[in-house]
Amino acid sequence: MSDSVQESRDPLTEKVIGCAIEVHRILGPGLLESAYQRCLALELRKQGLIVETEVPMPVNYKGEVLDCGYRVDILVEKSLILELKAVEAILPIHQAQILTYLKLSGLRLGLLINFHQPRLIDGLKRFIR
C-alpha cells in the first residue's frame, strides 16, 4: 500500500523529506545514487537522527536466516527505510523493492526518493505496510 507524500506525514518523515529536498536543492539532478546517499546520510545526521547506510536485509526462509545480498540504502531511527534512486523514471520494480524491504524488515514505513527529477517532490513516494 502506498500513498502520496502530500497526505498526512509524521514528524520523522517530514524531517527526512526536508533533508532530501536540501540535498537536491544543493546538488540538483544528475549525480550517481551513491553521492546522494552519502550527502543525505550526512544531512540526516546533522539533524540529530540515527542513520545507518547499506543495512543488510536477510531473508528468513523456514527459520534459516540467509544473507541474499539485499541492502537497504538508508535506515533512519531504526523505523524508516529510504530507497534512493537517480533514474529517469520510477519503475514497478523499484516500488516492489521497497515493499520487499518493508516485508523482510517488519517495518511499516518507507520512502522511495528519486533524485533525478527537476523538482524532488515529483520523485517522492511514501509506502506504508
C-alpha atoms as a PDB file:
ATOM      1  CA  MET A   1       0.000   0.000   0.000  1.00  0.00           C
ATOM      2  CA  SER A   2       1.365   3.437  -0.803  1.00  0.00           C
ATOM      3  CA  ASP A   3       0.180   6.981  -0.734  1.00  0.00           C
ATOM      4  CA  SER A   4       1.229  10.417  -1.782  1.00  0.00           C
ATOM      5  CA  VAL A   5       3.736  12.241   0.393  1.00  0.00           C
ATOM      6  CA  GLN A   6       1.271  15.150   0.212  1.00  0.00           C
ATOM      7  CA  GLU A   7      -1.048  13.365   2.640  1.00  0.00           C
ATOM      8  CA  SER A   8      -0.559  13.296   6.408  1.00  0.00           C
ATOM      9  CA  ARG A   9       3.067  12.814   7.398  1.00  0.00           C
ATOM     10  CA  ASP A  10       4.645  12.014  10.688  1.00  0.00           C
ATOM     11  CA  PRO A  11       7.389  14.329  12.052  1.00  0.00           C
ATOM     12  CA  LEU A  12      10.194  11.909  11.163  1.00  0.00           C
ATOM     13  CA  THR A  13       9.033  11.630   7.555  1.00  0.00           C
ATOM     14  CA  GLU A  14       8.738  15.414   7.308  1.00  0.00           C
ATOM     15  CA  LYS A  15      12.271  15.882   8.646  1.00  0.00           C
ATOM     16  CA  VAL A  16      13.666  13.297   6.215  1.00  0.00           C
ATOM     17  CA  ILE A  17      11.853  14.854   3.255  1.00  0.00           C
ATOM     18  CA  GLY A  18      13.174  18.279   4.268  1.00  0.00           C
ATOM     19  CA  CYS A  19      16.722  16.905   4.329  1.00  0.00           C
ATOM     20  CA  ALA A  20      16.258  15.229   0.930  1.00  0.00           C
ATOM     21  CA  ILE A  21      14.964  18.485  -0.543  1.00  0.00           C
ATOM     22  CA  GLU A  22      18.001  20.314   0.875  1.00  0.00           C
ATOM     23  CA  VAL A  23      20.382  17.784  -0.712  1.00  0.00           C
ATOM     24  CA  HIS A  24      18.547  18.066  -4.033  1.00  0.00           C
ATOM     25  CA  ARG A  25      18.499  21.873  -3.844  1.00  0.00           C
ATOM     26  CA  ILE A  26      22.281  21.954  -3.445  1.00  0.00           C
ATOM     27  CA  LEU A  27      23.267  19.126  -5.815  1.00  0.00           C
ATOM     28  CA  GLY A  28      20.428  19.077  -8.344  1.00  0.00           C
ATOM     29  CA  PRO A  29      19.705  16.037 -10.523  1.00  0.00           C
ATOM     30  CA  GLY A  30      22.357  14.173 -12.477  1.00  0.00           C
ATOM     31  CA  LEU A  31      24.682  12.602  -9.893  1.00  0.00           C
ATOM     32  CA  LEU A  32      25.062   8.946  -9.013  1.00  0.00           C
ATOM     33  CA  GLU A  33      22.810   7.428  -6.378  1.00  0.00           C
ATOM     34  CA  SER A  34      25.845   6.850  -4.130  1.00  0.00           C
ATOM     35  CA  ALA A  35      26.567  10.595  -3.986  1.00  0.00           C
ATOM     36  CA  TYR A  36      23.006  11.367  -2.917  1.00  0.00           C
ATOM     37  CA  GLN A  37      23.141   8.580  -0.351  1.00  0.00           C
ATOM     38  CA  ARG A  38      26.274   9.928   1.331  1.00  0.00           C
ATOM     39  CA  CYS A  39      25.054  13.519   1.292  1.00  0.00           C
ATOM     40  CA  LEU A  40      21.590  12.624   2.587  1.00  0.00           C
ATOM     41  CA  ALA A  41      23.050  10.482   5.381  1.00  0.00           C
ATOM     42  CA  LEU A  42      25.244  13.426   6.408  1.00  0.00           C
ATOM     43  CA  GLU A  43      22.300  15.843   6.315  1.00  0.00           C
ATOM     44  CA  LEU A  44      20.145  13.483   8.396  1.00  0.00           C
ATOM     45  CA  ARG A  45      22.899  13.055  10.989  1.00  0.00           C
ATOM     46  CA  LYS A  46      23.268  16.830  11.206  1.00  0.00           C
ATOM     47  CA  GLN A  47      19.582  16.855  12.207  1.00  0.00           C
ATOM     48  CA  GLY A  48      20.409  14.536  15.109  1.00  0.00           C
ATOM     49  CA  LEU A  49      18.868  11.418  13.578  1.00  0.00           C
ATOM     50  CA  ILE A  50      20.224   7.890  13.940  1.00  0.00           C
ATOM     51  CA  VAL A  51      21.219   6.834  10.435  1.00  0.00           C
ATOM     52  CA  GLU A  52      22.537   3.543   9.088  1.00  0.00           C
ATOM     53  CA  THR A  53      23.572   3.001   5.470  1.00  0.00           C
ATOM     54  CA  GLU A  54      23.779  -0.149   3.365  1.00  0.00           C
ATOM     55  CA  VAL A  55      21.953  -2.140   6.040  1.00  0.00           C
ATOM     56  CA  PRO A  56      21.919  -5.879   5.284  1.00  0.00           C
ATOM     57  CA  MET A  57      18.394  -7.222   4.840  1.00  0.00           C
ATOM     58  CA  PRO A  58      18.485 -11.009   5.298  1.00  0.00           C
ATOM     59  CA  VAL A  59      15.800 -13.384   4.111  1.00  0.00           C
ATOM     60  CA  ASN A  60      14.232 -15.651   6.720  1.00  0.00           C
ATOM     61  CA  TYR A  61      13.407 -18.916   4.973  1.00  0.00           C
ATOM     62  CA  LYS A  62      11.888 -21.727   7.031  1.00  0.00           C
ATOM     63  CA  GLY A  63      13.647 -20.480  10.147  1.00  0.00           C
ATOM     64  CA  GLU A  64      17.001 -20.034   8.435  1.00  0.00           C
ATOM     65  CA  VAL A  65      18.365 -16.506   8.151  1.00  0.00           C
ATOM     66  CA  LEU A  66      20.081 -16.129   4.769  1.00  0.00           C
ATOM     67  CA  ASP A  67      22.187 -13.258   3.505  1.00  0.00           C
ATOM     68  CA  CYS A  68      20.984 -12.908  -0.089  1.00  0.00           C
ATOM     69  CA  GLY A  69      22.772  -9.644  -0.788  1.00  0.00           C
ATOM     70  CA  TYR A  70      19.873  -7.272  -0.133  1.00  0.00           C
ATOM     71  CA  ARG A  71      20.894  -3.891   1.317  1.00  0.00           C
ATOM     72  CA  VAL A  72      18.679  -1.021   2.468  1.00  0.00           C
ATOM     73  CA  ASP A  73      20.141   2.280   1.257  1.00  0.00           C
ATOM     74  CA  ILE A  74      19.377   4.206   4.456  1.00  0.00           C
ATOM     75  CA  LEU A  75      17.602   3.225   7.661  1.00  0.00           C
ATOM     76  CA  VAL A  76      16.543   6.198   9.811  1.00  0.00           C
ATOM     77  CA  GLU A  77      15.855   5.833  13.526  1.00  0.00           C
ATOM     78  CA  LYS A  78      15.520   2.060  13.005  1.00  0.00           C
ATOM     79  CA  SER A  79      11.984   2.714  11.752  1.00  0.00           C
ATOM     80  CA  LEU A  80      12.042   4.351   8.301  1.00  0.00           C
ATOM     81  CA  ILE A  81      13.511   2.744   5.178  1.00  0.00           C
ATOM     82  CA  LEU A  82      14.823   5.055   2.458  1.00  0.00           C
ATOM     83  CA  GLU A  83      15.330   3.618  -1.004  1.00  0.00           C
ATOM     84  CA  LEU A  84      17.208   6.109  -3.157  1.00  0.00           C
ATOM     85  CA  LYS A  85      17.249   6.260  -6.918  1.00  0.00           C
ATOM     86  CA  ALA A  86      18.789   8.501  -9.549  1.00  0.00           C
ATOM     87  CA  VAL A  87      16.870   7.260 -12.565  1.00  0.00           C
ATOM     88  CA  GLU A  88      14.819   8.730 -15.390  1.00  0.00           C
ATOM     89  CA  ALA A  89      11.617   7.149 -14.106  1.00  0.00           C
ATOM     90  CA  ILE A  90      10.480   5.049 -11.177  1.00  0.00           C
ATOM     91  CA  LEU A  91       9.528   1.593 -12.404  1.00  0.00           C
ATOM     92  CA  PRO A  92       7.313  -1.028 -10.771  1.00  0.00           C
ATOM     93  CA  ILE A  93      10.466  -2.994  -9.834  1.00  0.00           C
ATOM     94  CA  HIS A  94      11.658  -0.036  -7.711  1.00  0.00           C
ATOM     95  CA  GLN A  95       8.359   0.002  -5.848  1.00  0.00           C
ATOM     96  CA  ALA A  96       8.480  -3.775  -5.410  1.00  0.00           C
ATOM     97  CA  GLN A  97      11.987  -3.415  -3.989  1.00  0.00           C
ATOM     98  CA  ILE A  98      10.951  -1.107  -1.157  1.00  0.00           C
ATOM     99  CA  LEU A  99       7.842  -3.175  -0.428  1.00  0.00           C
ATOM    100  CA  THR A 100      10.075  -6.247  -0.159  1.00  0.00           C
ATOM    101  CA  TYR A 101      12.396  -4.442   2.271  1.00  0.00           C
ATOM    102  CA  LEU A 102       9.416  -3.445   4.408  1.00  0.00           C
ATOM    103  CA  LYS A 103       8.187  -7.047   4.454  1.00  0.00           C
ATOM    104  CA  LEU A 104      11.615  -8.528   5.243  1.00  0.00           C
ATOM    105  CA  SER A 105      12.321  -5.991   7.988  1.00  0.00           C
ATOM    106  CA  GLY A 106       8.877  -5.983   9.572  1.00  0.00           C
ATOM    107  CA  LEU A 107       8.884  -2.184   9.419  1.00  0.00           C
ATOM    108  CA  ARG A 108       5.835  -0.193   8.352  1.00  0.00           C
ATOM    109  CA  LEU A 109       7.141   2.929   6.630  1.00  0.00           C
ATOM    110  CA  GLY A 110       9.386   3.587   3.656  1.00  0.00           C
ATOM    111  CA  LEU A 111      10.217   6.384   1.269  1.00  0.00           C
ATOM    112  CA  LEU A 112      11.255   5.928  -2.343  1.00  0.00           C
ATOM    113  CA  ILE A 113      13.229   9.016  -3.359  1.00  0.00           C
ATOM    114  CA  ASN A 114      14.262   9.625  -6.972  1.00  0.00           C
ATOM    115  CA  PHE A 115      16.828  12.436  -7.115  1.00  0.00           C
ATOM    116  CA  HIS A 116      16.766  12.524 -10.926  1.00  0.00           C
ATOM    117  CA  GLN A 117      13.857  14.979 -11.041  1.00  0.00           C
ATOM    118  CA  PRO A 118      13.818  18.736 -11.656  1.00  0.00           C
ATOM    119  CA  ARG A 119      11.615  19.037  -8.516  1.00  0.00           C
ATOM    120  CA  LEU A 120      12.340  16.450  -5.862  1.00  0.00           C
ATOM    121  CA  ILE A 121       8.728  16.399  -4.667  1.00  0.00           C
ATOM    122  CA  ASP A 122       7.872  14.758  -8.010  1.00  0.00           C
ATOM    123  CA  GLY A 123      10.281  11.933  -7.167  1.00  0.00           C
ATOM    124  CA  LEU A 124       8.943  11.120  -3.685  1.00  0.00           C
ATOM    125  CA  LYS A 125       6.653   8.237  -2.848  1.00  0.00           C
ATOM    126  CA  ARG A 126       5.702   7.005   0.614  1.00  0.00           C
ATOM    127  CA  PHE A 127       4.910   3.360   1.356  1.00  0.00           C
ATOM    128  CA  ILE A 128       3.008   2.064   4.360  1.00  0.00           C
ATOM    129  CA  ARG A 129       2.796  -1.652   5.024  1.00  0.00           C
END
